[in-house]
């Protein structure tokens, strides 16, 4: 028995000691649901498992912390070294090393800047995805006959929007998809209302927003769920969140931002009253212009009616008639001269043709001899004794039989 050991004392193994300490810690009600404020250090995130490991420290102490994937995926900001946070969890023993750890189940940035930190981190992430790209945004339709509104049915924002739309476009339809605009249920309800209007498909434009309030009151419009619903909307969206100085992530995602709900109503629909007044003014100006134009033309017509040509209209055509008669006479003379010249040429050609006619030769006592096959006899070699020839004279043909042939050089 070792020195100083009392009889009956139990000797514990390391495992038994660790298990006992763990049991003591886990039976302490304070340590099973405790809030701790501290600064993150040695932060490590394992993407494969989804777990976070870090230390929480203050000026004098430090505690090992772990946040398992089940809880880590609910963190809406990016933890990092040097960030001050408030964490809720429980204390237990990590038996392998025999040291206590703080198992974190919930964590948020410390102080008044926690919401702003979540805002800036989410904005940066969504901006990298291109959700706020101005090139993605669509123009507001110039003429709108149906406006969809996503807001609280009891809020002043809805009354402001309805009043402004009714004043500017009395015939416009207003369809309200009511949603909670504040509290934990608000993001889901707003996103569902946006999708419901898209499924219905009748609105030409959609207004999403609420009246002013604190950053906590407006926080639903800074959530990823609402931002993605606005981006995925097939209907152009005007955001109208808070007052002029308030900016939300919904403003960056929407196709247009209105400083107030009243301004959203002005942006959504054209001022039909002003258009009607402008149309009437244009109609009056056009009518005066047409009247002046017609009066000028009537005056010109009256002036033309007084001219002599209208009293003696034949004067308008006399010069043309005389010119036409002159041209007809010239044409007739030229045609006669042309025909006469052509006749002379024809007579000359007839005389020349007649001089070449074989009939003239026949009249001088010559005859044309042809063989029975019709070939004209030009040389004596073409005929033989006893062959038959046809002799063509001026007034007929003679059929002869060749008795003999004699050559001669007297021709």
Protein backbone atom coordinates (compact mmCIF):
# COMPACT_ATOMS: atom_id res chain seq x y z
CA UNK A 1 0.00 0.00 0.00
CA UNK A 2 1.43 3.32 -0.99
CA UNK A 3 2.42 5.97 1.49
CA UNK A 4 -0.46 8.19 2.53
CA UNK A 5 -3.16 5.91 1.14
CA UNK A 6 -5.92 5.29 3.61
CA UNK A 7 -7.48 1.84 3.93
CA UNK A 8 -10.62 1.48 1.85
CA UNK A 9 -9.75 4.24 -0.65
CA UNK A 10 -10.67 3.23 -4.23
CA UNK A 11 -8.07 3.51 -6.93
CA UNK A 12 -9.58 4.87 -10.22
CA UNK A 13 -8.36 4.30 -13.70
CA UNK A 14 -7.86 7.29 -15.98
CA UNK A 15 -10.99 6.31 -17.90
CA UNK A 16 -13.01 6.04 -14.70
CA UNK A 17 -11.76 9.41 -13.55
CA UNK A 18 -12.59 11.01 -16.88
CA UNK A 19 -16.03 9.40 -16.96
CA UNK A 20 -16.76 10.67 -13.44
CA UNK A 21 -15.71 14.22 -14.26
CA UNK A 22 -17.83 14.06 -17.42
CA UNK A 23 -20.81 12.89 -15.39
CA UNK A 24 -20.34 15.75 -12.92
CA UNK A 25 -20.17 18.30 -15.73
CA UNK A 26 -23.16 16.86 -17.57
CA UNK A 27 -25.27 16.89 -14.43
CA UNK A 28 -24.58 20.58 -13.81
CA UNK A 29 -27.63 22.43 -15.13
CA UNK A 30 -25.70 25.66 -15.63
CA UNK A 31 -23.07 23.99 -17.79
CA UNK A 32 -25.62 22.20 -19.99
CA UNK A 33 -27.11 25.42 -21.37
CA UNK A 34 -24.60 28.19 -20.95
CA UNK A 35 -23.97 31.40 -22.93
CA UNK A 36 -20.35 32.44 -23.37
CA UNK A 37 -18.91 35.66 -24.79
CA UNK A 38 -15.43 35.56 -26.31
CA UNK A 39 -13.13 36.09 -29.25
CA UNK A 40 -12.57 33.36 -31.85
CA UNK A 41 -9.03 32.11 -32.34
CA UNK A 42 -7.41 29.19 -34.16
CA UNK A 43 -10.59 28.74 -36.26
CA UNK A 44 -10.73 25.63 -38.47
CA UNK A 45 -13.57 24.52 -40.76
CA UNK A 46 -13.56 21.05 -42.30
CA UNK A 47 -15.66 21.18 -45.44
CA UNK A 48 -15.93 17.41 -45.82
CA UNK A 49 -17.45 16.86 -42.37
CA UNK A 50 -18.98 20.31 -41.99
CA UNK A 51 -17.65 20.65 -38.40
CA UNK A 52 -16.05 23.80 -36.95
CA UNK A 53 -13.21 23.78 -34.39
CA UNK A 54 -11.96 26.90 -32.62
CA UNK A 55 -11.11 28.48 -29.30
CA UNK A 56 -13.00 31.13 -27.40
CA UNK A 57 -10.78 33.43 -25.38
CA UNK A 58 -10.77 36.62 -23.39
CA UNK A 59 -7.90 38.54 -21.77
CA UNK A 60 -7.05 35.75 -19.31
CA UNK A 61 -8.51 32.39 -20.40
CA UNK A 62 -9.30 30.18 -23.37
CA UNK A 63 -11.60 27.22 -23.96
CA UNK A 64 -11.62 24.62 -26.70
CA UNK A 65 -14.84 24.63 -28.77
CA UNK A 66 -16.45 22.44 -31.37
CA UNK A 67 -19.56 23.11 -33.45
CA UNK A 68 -20.87 20.08 -35.29
CA UNK A 69 -22.38 20.24 -38.79
CA UNK A 70 -25.98 20.00 -37.52
CA UNK A 71 -25.56 23.36 -35.77
CA UNK A 72 -22.90 24.91 -37.97
CA UNK A 73 -25.15 25.01 -41.04
CA UNK A 74 -27.51 27.39 -39.20
CA UNK A 75 -24.81 30.05 -38.77
CA UNK A 76 -25.68 32.96 -41.09
CA UNK A 77 -22.27 34.67 -40.96
CA UNK A 78 -18.69 33.61 -41.59
CA UNK A 79 -16.75 32.95 -38.35
CA UNK A 80 -13.07 33.86 -38.37
CA UNK A 81 -10.15 34.60 -36.06
CA UNK A 82 -10.52 37.83 -34.11
CA UNK A 83 -14.31 37.95 -34.38
CA UNK A 84 -16.13 38.49 -31.09
CA UNK A 85 -19.16 36.27 -30.67
CA UNK A 86 -21.79 35.11 -28.23
CA UNK A 87 -22.21 31.33 -28.16
CA UNK A 88 -24.69 28.98 -26.51
CA UNK A 89 -23.95 25.35 -25.78
CA UNK A 90 -22.92 22.86 -23.13
CA UNK A 91 -19.71 21.71 -21.40
CA UNK A 92 -18.48 18.13 -21.61
CA UNK A 93 -15.28 16.11 -21.55
CA UNK A 94 -13.42 15.02 -24.67
CA UNK A 95 -12.49 11.66 -23.18
CA UNK A 96 -9.61 10.84 -25.50
CA UNK A 97 -7.51 13.71 -24.15
CA UNK A 98 -9.26 14.17 -20.83
CA UNK A 99 -9.99 17.84 -21.38
CA UNK A 100 -13.23 19.69 -21.20
CA UNK A 101 -14.72 21.26 -24.33
CA UNK A 102 -17.45 23.72 -25.09
CA UNK A 103 -19.92 22.15 -27.55
CA UNK A 104 -21.50 25.11 -29.34
CA UNK A 105 -25.06 24.80 -30.67
CA UNK A 106 -25.77 28.44 -31.49
CA UNK A 107 -23.53 31.40 -32.29
CA UNK A 108 -23.93 35.00 -33.40
CA UNK A 109 -21.66 38.05 -33.68
CA UNK A 110 -21.35 40.02 -30.47
CA UNK A 111 -22.56 43.57 -30.03
CA UNK A 112 -24.72 45.90 -32.15
CA UNK A 113 -22.68 45.11 -35.28
CA UNK A 114 -23.74 41.50 -35.53
CA UNK A 115 -26.59 42.16 -37.95
CA UNK A 116 -24.41 44.45 -40.02
CA UNK A 117 -21.75 41.75 -40.18
CA UNK A 118 -24.30 39.20 -41.37
CA UNK A 119 -25.55 41.76 -43.88
CA UNK A 120 -22.12 42.48 -45.36
CA UNK A 121 -21.06 38.84 -45.50
CA UNK A 122 -24.26 37.70 -47.19
CA UNK A 123 -24.14 40.65 -49.59
CA UNK A 124 -20.57 39.79 -50.57
CA UNK A 125 -21.43 36.14 -51.19
CA UNK A 126 -24.56 36.84 -53.23
CA UNK A 127 -22.81 39.56 -55.16
CA UNK A 128 -20.15 37.06 -56.25
CA UNK A 129 -22.95 34.85 -57.59
CA UNK A 130 -24.11 37.74 -59.80
CA UNK A 131 -27.47 38.21 -58.09
CA UNK A 132 -26.95 41.98 -57.91
CA UNK A 133 -25.54 42.40 -61.44
CA UNK A 134 -27.23 45.46 -63.07
CA UNK A 135 -27.14 43.68 -66.45
CA UNK A 136 -29.57 41.08 -65.08
CA UNK A 137 -32.20 43.66 -64.20
CA UNK A 138 -35.20 44.39 -66.42
CA UNK A 139 -36.79 47.75 -67.22
CA UNK A 140 -40.09 48.74 -65.65
CA UNK A 141 -42.93 48.34 -68.20
CA UNK A 142 -44.08 51.76 -69.49
CA UNK A 143 -47.78 50.87 -69.29
CA UNK A 144 -49.16 48.71 -66.49
CA UNK A 145 -52.72 47.52 -65.93
CA UNK A 146 -52.16 45.13 -63.00
CA UNK A 147 -49.86 45.63 -59.99
CA UNK A 148 -48.97 42.88 -57.53
CA UNK A 149 -48.06 43.93 -53.97
CA UNK A 150 -46.25 41.78 -51.41
CA UNK A 151 -46.50 43.36 -47.96
CA UNK A 152 -48.47 43.25 -44.74
CA UNK A 153 -52.20 43.64 -45.32
CA UNK A 154 -52.47 45.87 -42.22
CA UNK A 155 -49.44 48.09 -42.81
CA UNK A 156 -49.31 51.74 -43.79
CA UNK A 157 -47.11 50.78 -46.75
CA UNK A 158 -50.04 49.05 -48.46
CA UNK A 159 -52.30 52.08 -47.96
CA UNK A 160 -49.64 54.39 -49.41
CA UNK A 161 -49.15 52.18 -52.45
CA UNK A 162 -52.87 51.76 -53.12
CA UNK A 163 -53.53 55.48 -52.73
CA UNK A 164 -50.75 56.44 -55.13
CA UNK A 165 -51.70 53.85 -57.76
CA UNK A 166 -55.37 54.87 -57.62
CA UNK A 167 -54.49 58.54 -58.06
CA UNK A 168 -52.20 57.94 -61.02
CA UNK A 169 -54.04 55.08 -62.76
CA UNK A 170 -57.66 54.72 -61.56
CA UNK A 171 -58.32 51.73 -63.83
CA UNK A 172 -55.33 49.68 -62.68
CA UNK A 173 -55.96 46.38 -60.86
CA UNK A 174 -54.14 45.92 -57.54
CA UNK A 175 -53.58 42.38 -56.26
CA UNK A 176 -52.21 41.97 -52.74
CA UNK A 177 -50.31 38.82 -51.69
CA UNK A 178 -50.28 39.40 -47.94
CA UNK A 179 -47.21 38.32 -45.98
CA UNK A 180 -45.68 38.85 -42.58
CA UNK A 181 -42.89 41.39 -43.00
CA UNK A 182 -41.27 41.07 -39.57
CA UNK A 183 -40.17 38.15 -37.43
CA UNK A 184 -38.80 34.66 -38.06
CA UNK A 185 -41.72 33.61 -40.31
CA UNK A 186 -41.43 36.67 -42.53
CA UNK A 187 -38.75 35.50 -45.04
CA UNK A 188 -40.64 32.33 -45.89
CA UNK A 189 -43.99 34.11 -46.25
CA UNK A 190 -42.53 36.87 -48.42
CA UNK A 191 -40.84 34.33 -50.71
CA UNK A 192 -44.07 32.30 -50.97
CA UNK A 193 -46.09 35.43 -51.82
CA UNK A 194 -43.64 36.36 -54.59
CA UNK A 195 -43.86 32.87 -56.05
CA UNK A 196 -47.67 32.87 -55.79
CA UNK A 197 -47.94 36.05 -57.88
CA UNK A 198 -45.56 34.56 -60.44
CA UNK A 199 -47.64 31.40 -60.68
CA UNK A 200 -50.79 33.48 -61.17
CA UNK A 201 -48.96 35.44 -63.85
CA UNK A 202 -51.31 38.42 -64.32
CA UNK A 203 -49.37 41.31 -62.69
CA UNK A 204 -47.26 43.43 -65.04
CA UNK A 205 -45.13 44.67 -62.15
CA UNK A 206 -44.62 43.66 -58.50
CA UNK A 207 -43.92 45.81 -55.44
CA UNK A 208 -42.23 44.08 -52.48
CA UNK A 209 -41.67 45.98 -49.25
CA UNK A 210 -42.86 47.52 -46.01
CA UNK A 211 -42.67 50.72 -44.01
CA UNK A 212 -39.69 51.91 -42.01
CA UNK A 213 -38.28 50.48 -38.82
CA UNK A 214 -35.12 49.35 -37.09
CA UNK A 215 -32.61 47.08 -38.76
CA UNK A 216 -34.13 44.19 -36.82
CA UNK A 217 -37.60 45.11 -38.14
CA UNK A 218 -36.34 45.18 -41.73
CA UNK A 219 -34.19 42.08 -41.41
CA UNK A 220 -36.52 39.78 -43.37
CA UNK A 221 -35.59 41.71 -46.52
CA UNK A 222 -31.89 41.01 -45.85
CA UNK A 223 -32.30 37.24 -45.91
CA UNK A 224 -31.09 34.95 -48.65
CA UNK A 225 -34.51 33.38 -49.10
CA UNK A 226 -36.16 36.70 -50.00
CA UNK A 227 -33.27 37.80 -52.22
CA UNK A 228 -33.39 34.59 -54.26
CA UNK A 229 -37.18 34.79 -54.58
CA UNK A 230 -36.87 38.30 -56.02
CA UNK A 231 -34.11 37.25 -58.43
CA UNK A 232 -36.11 34.22 -59.63
CA UNK A 233 -39.28 36.26 -60.17
CA UNK A 234 -40.43 36.35 -63.79
CA UNK A 235 -42.32 39.57 -63.04
CA UNK A 236 -40.20 42.73 -62.70
CA UNK A 237 -39.86 43.70 -59.02
CA UNK A 238 -39.72 47.12 -57.35
CA UNK A 239 -38.40 47.00 -53.79
CA UNK A 240 -39.82 49.47 -51.30
CA UNK A 241 -38.29 48.67 -47.93
CA UNK A 242 -38.31 51.26 -45.17
CA UNK A 243 -37.49 54.91 -45.70
CA UNK A 244 -35.15 56.64 -48.10
CA UNK A 245 -32.07 56.07 -45.92
CA UNK A 246 -32.75 52.34 -45.49
CA UNK A 247 -31.00 49.92 -47.84
CA UNK A 248 -31.66 46.18 -47.86
CA UNK A 249 -30.38 43.27 -49.90
CA UNK A 250 -33.83 43.16 -51.52
CA UNK A 251 -33.06 46.62 -52.95
CA UNK A 252 -29.91 45.30 -54.63
CA UNK A 253 -31.71 42.24 -56.01
CA UNK A 254 -34.82 44.02 -57.32
CA UNK A 255 -35.11 45.42 -60.83
CA UNK A 256 -35.68 48.89 -59.34
CA UNK A 257 -35.54 50.45 -55.87
CA UNK A 258 -38.05 52.90 -54.49
CA UNK A 259 -37.04 55.08 -51.54
CA UNK A 260 -40.51 54.70 -50.00
CA UNK A 261 -43.71 52.71 -50.66
CA UNK A 262 -45.28 55.92 -52.00
CA UNK A 263 -42.51 56.30 -54.54
CA UNK A 264 -42.92 52.63 -55.47
CA UNK A 265 -46.55 53.33 -56.41
CA UNK A 266 -45.37 56.25 -58.54
CA UNK A 267 -42.74 54.12 -60.28
CA UNK A 268 -45.05 51.15 -60.87
CA UNK A 269 -47.77 52.83 -62.94
CA UNK A 270 -47.83 55.74 -65.39
CA UNK A 271 -49.65 58.93 -64.44
CA UNK A 272 -52.69 58.31 -66.65
CA UNK A 273 -54.31 61.59 -65.53
CA UNK A 274 -51.27 63.48 -66.76
CA UNK A 275 -51.26 61.39 -69.95
CA UNK A 276 -54.92 62.25 -70.55
CA UNK A 277 -54.25 65.96 -70.04
CA UNK A 278 -51.25 65.73 -72.36
CA UNK A 279 -53.35 63.87 -74.92
CA UNK A 280 -56.08 66.52 -74.80
CA UNK A 281 -53.50 69.29 -75.12
CA UNK A 282 -51.91 67.52 -78.08
CA UNK A 283 -55.33 67.03 -79.64
CA UNK A 284 -56.10 70.74 -79.29
CA UNK A 285 -52.74 71.73 -80.81
CA UNK A 286 -53.20 69.27 -83.67
CA UNK A 287 -56.70 70.56 -84.34
CA UNK A 288 -55.52 74.18 -84.44
CA UNK A 289 -52.68 73.22 -86.76
CA UNK A 290 -55.06 71.39 -89.10
CA UNK A 291 -57.50 74.29 -89.10
CA UNK A 292 -54.73 76.74 -90.00
CA UNK A 293 -53.49 74.41 -92.72
CA UNK A 294 -56.98 73.95 -94.18
CA UNK A 295 -57.66 77.69 -94.08
CA UNK A 296 -54.44 78.33 -95.97
CA UNK A 297 -55.39 75.77 -98.61
CA UNK A 298 -58.90 77.23 -98.96
CA UNK A 299 -57.38 80.67 -99.44
CA UNK A 300 -55.05 79.29 -102.13
CA UNK A 301 -58.03 77.65 -103.83
CA UNK A 302 -60.01 80.88 -103.79
CA UNK A 303 -57.06 82.67 -105.34
CA UNK A 304 -56.72 80.04 -108.08
CA UNK A 305 -60.44 80.15 -108.81
CA UNK A 306 -60.13 83.85 -109.66
CA UNK A 307 -57.48 83.25 -112.31
CA UNK A 308 -58.49 83.63 -115.97
CA UNK A 309 -57.66 80.06 -116.80
CA UNK A 310 -60.58 78.79 -114.71
CA UNK A 311 -62.99 81.14 -116.49
CA UNK A 312 -61.66 80.18 -119.96
CA UNK A 313 -60.17 76.75 -119.42
CA UNK A 314 -59.64 76.22 -123.20
CA UNK A 315 -56.81 78.73 -122.99
CA UNK A 316 -54.93 76.20 -120.89
CA UNK A 317 -54.84 73.75 -123.84
CA UNK A 318 -54.64 76.01 -126.93
CA UNK A 319 -50.87 76.18 -127.03
CA UNK A 320 -50.59 72.45 -126.58
CA UNK A 321 -53.20 71.83 -129.27
CA UNK A 322 -51.35 74.00 -131.77
CA UNK A 323 -48.07 72.33 -130.94
CA UNK A 324 -49.67 68.91 -131.40
CA UNK A 325 -51.09 69.88 -134.79
CA UNK A 326 -47.68 71.15 -135.90
CA UNK A 327 -46.02 67.93 -134.80
CA UNK A 328 -48.63 65.84 -136.63
CA UNK A 329 -48.05 67.83 -139.85
CA UNK A 330 -44.30 67.43 -139.57
CA UNK A 331 -44.70 63.71 -138.98
CA UNK A 332 -47.04 63.34 -141.97
CA UNK A 333 -44.60 65.17 -144.29
CA UNK A 334 -41.71 63.08 -143.09
CA UNK A 335 -43.67 59.88 -143.65
CA UNK A 336 -44.58 60.92 -147.22
CA UNK A 337 -40.97 61.81 -148.02
CA UNK A 338 -39.78 58.54 -146.54
CA UNK A 339 -42.32 56.51 -148.55
CA UNK A 340 -41.40 58.33 -151.78
CA UNK A 341 -37.70 57.67 -151.25
CA UNK A 342 -38.41 54.02 -150.48
CA UNK A 343 -40.51 53.75 -153.67
CA UNK A 344 -37.68 55.07 -155.81
CA UNK A 345 -35.29 52.58 -154.28
CA UNK A 346 -37.79 49.78 -154.92
CA UNK A 347 -38.15 50.76 -158.60
CA UNK A 348 -34.38 50.80 -159.04
CA UNK A 349 -34.13 47.36 -157.42
CA UNK A 350 -36.90 46.01 -159.71
CA UNK A 351 -35.10 47.26 -162.80
CA UNK A 352 -31.85 45.69 -161.67
CA UNK A 353 -33.62 42.45 -160.80
CA UNK A 354 -35.43 42.38 -164.15
CA UNK A 355 -32.15 42.82 -165.99
CA UNK A 356 -30.82 39.74 -164.25
CA UNK A 357 -33.96 37.68 -164.87
CA UNK A 358 -33.45 34.53 -167.03
CA UNK A 359 -36.67 35.43 -168.87
CA UNK A 360 -34.88 38.34 -170.49
CA UNK A 361 -32.30 35.92 -171.81
CA UNK A 362 -35.01 33.65 -173.18
CA UNK A 363 -36.68 36.56 -175.00
CA UNK A 364 -33.47 37.08 -176.94
CA UNK A 365 -33.79 33.55 -178.43
CA UNK A 366 -31.87 31.49 -175.94
CA UNK A 367 -33.09 28.26 -174.33
CA UNK A 368 -32.24 26.44 -171.10
CA UNK A 369 -31.46 22.74 -171.44
CA UNK A 370 -32.16 20.35 -168.56
CA UNK A 371 -31.60 16.63 -168.27
CA UNK A 372 -34.43 14.40 -167.22
CA UNK A 373 -33.20 14.57 -163.62
CA UNK A 374 -33.64 18.37 -163.78
CA UNK A 375 -29.95 19.26 -163.84
CA UNK A 376 -29.16 22.27 -166.06
CA UNK A 377 -26.77 21.40 -168.89
CA UNK A 378 -23.80 23.76 -168.85
CA UNK A 379 -21.15 21.69 -170.68
CA UNK A 380 -21.35 19.08 -173.42
CA UNK A 381 -19.95 16.37 -171.17
CA UNK A 382 -23.24 16.35 -169.27
CA UNK A 383 -25.17 14.71 -172.15
CA UNK A 384 -24.80 11.58 -174.22
CA UNK A 385 -26.31 10.64 -177.63
CA UNK A 386 -29.89 9.34 -177.38
CA UNK A 387 -30.37 11.12 -174.04
CA UNK A 388 -33.54 13.17 -173.57
CA UNK A 389 -33.37 16.91 -172.81
CA UNK A 390 -36.00 19.46 -171.90
CA UNK A 391 -35.50 22.85 -173.60
CA UNK A 392 -37.12 25.84 -171.89
CA UNK A 393 -37.90 28.72 -174.26
CA UNK A 394 -39.71 32.02 -173.60
CA UNK A 395 -43.20 30.62 -173.92
CA UNK A 396 -42.82 26.88 -173.12
CA UNK A 397 -40.72 23.72 -173.12
CA UNK A 398 -39.47 21.40 -175.91
CA UNK A 399 -38.58 17.74 -175.38
CA UNK A 400 -35.75 16.61 -177.68
CA UNK A 401 -33.55 13.56 -178.20
CA UNK A 402 -29.77 14.06 -178.63
CA UNK A 403 -28.61 12.45 -181.87
CA UNK A 404 -25.01 13.53 -181.62
CA UNK A 405 -22.76 16.01 -179.87
CA UNK A 406 -19.93 18.04 -181.23
CA UNK A 407 -17.39 20.03 -179.33
CA UNK A 408 -16.33 23.44 -180.52
CA UNK A 409 -14.35 26.47 -179.42
CA UNK A 410 -16.39 29.16 -181.13
CA UNK A 411 -17.84 30.36 -177.75
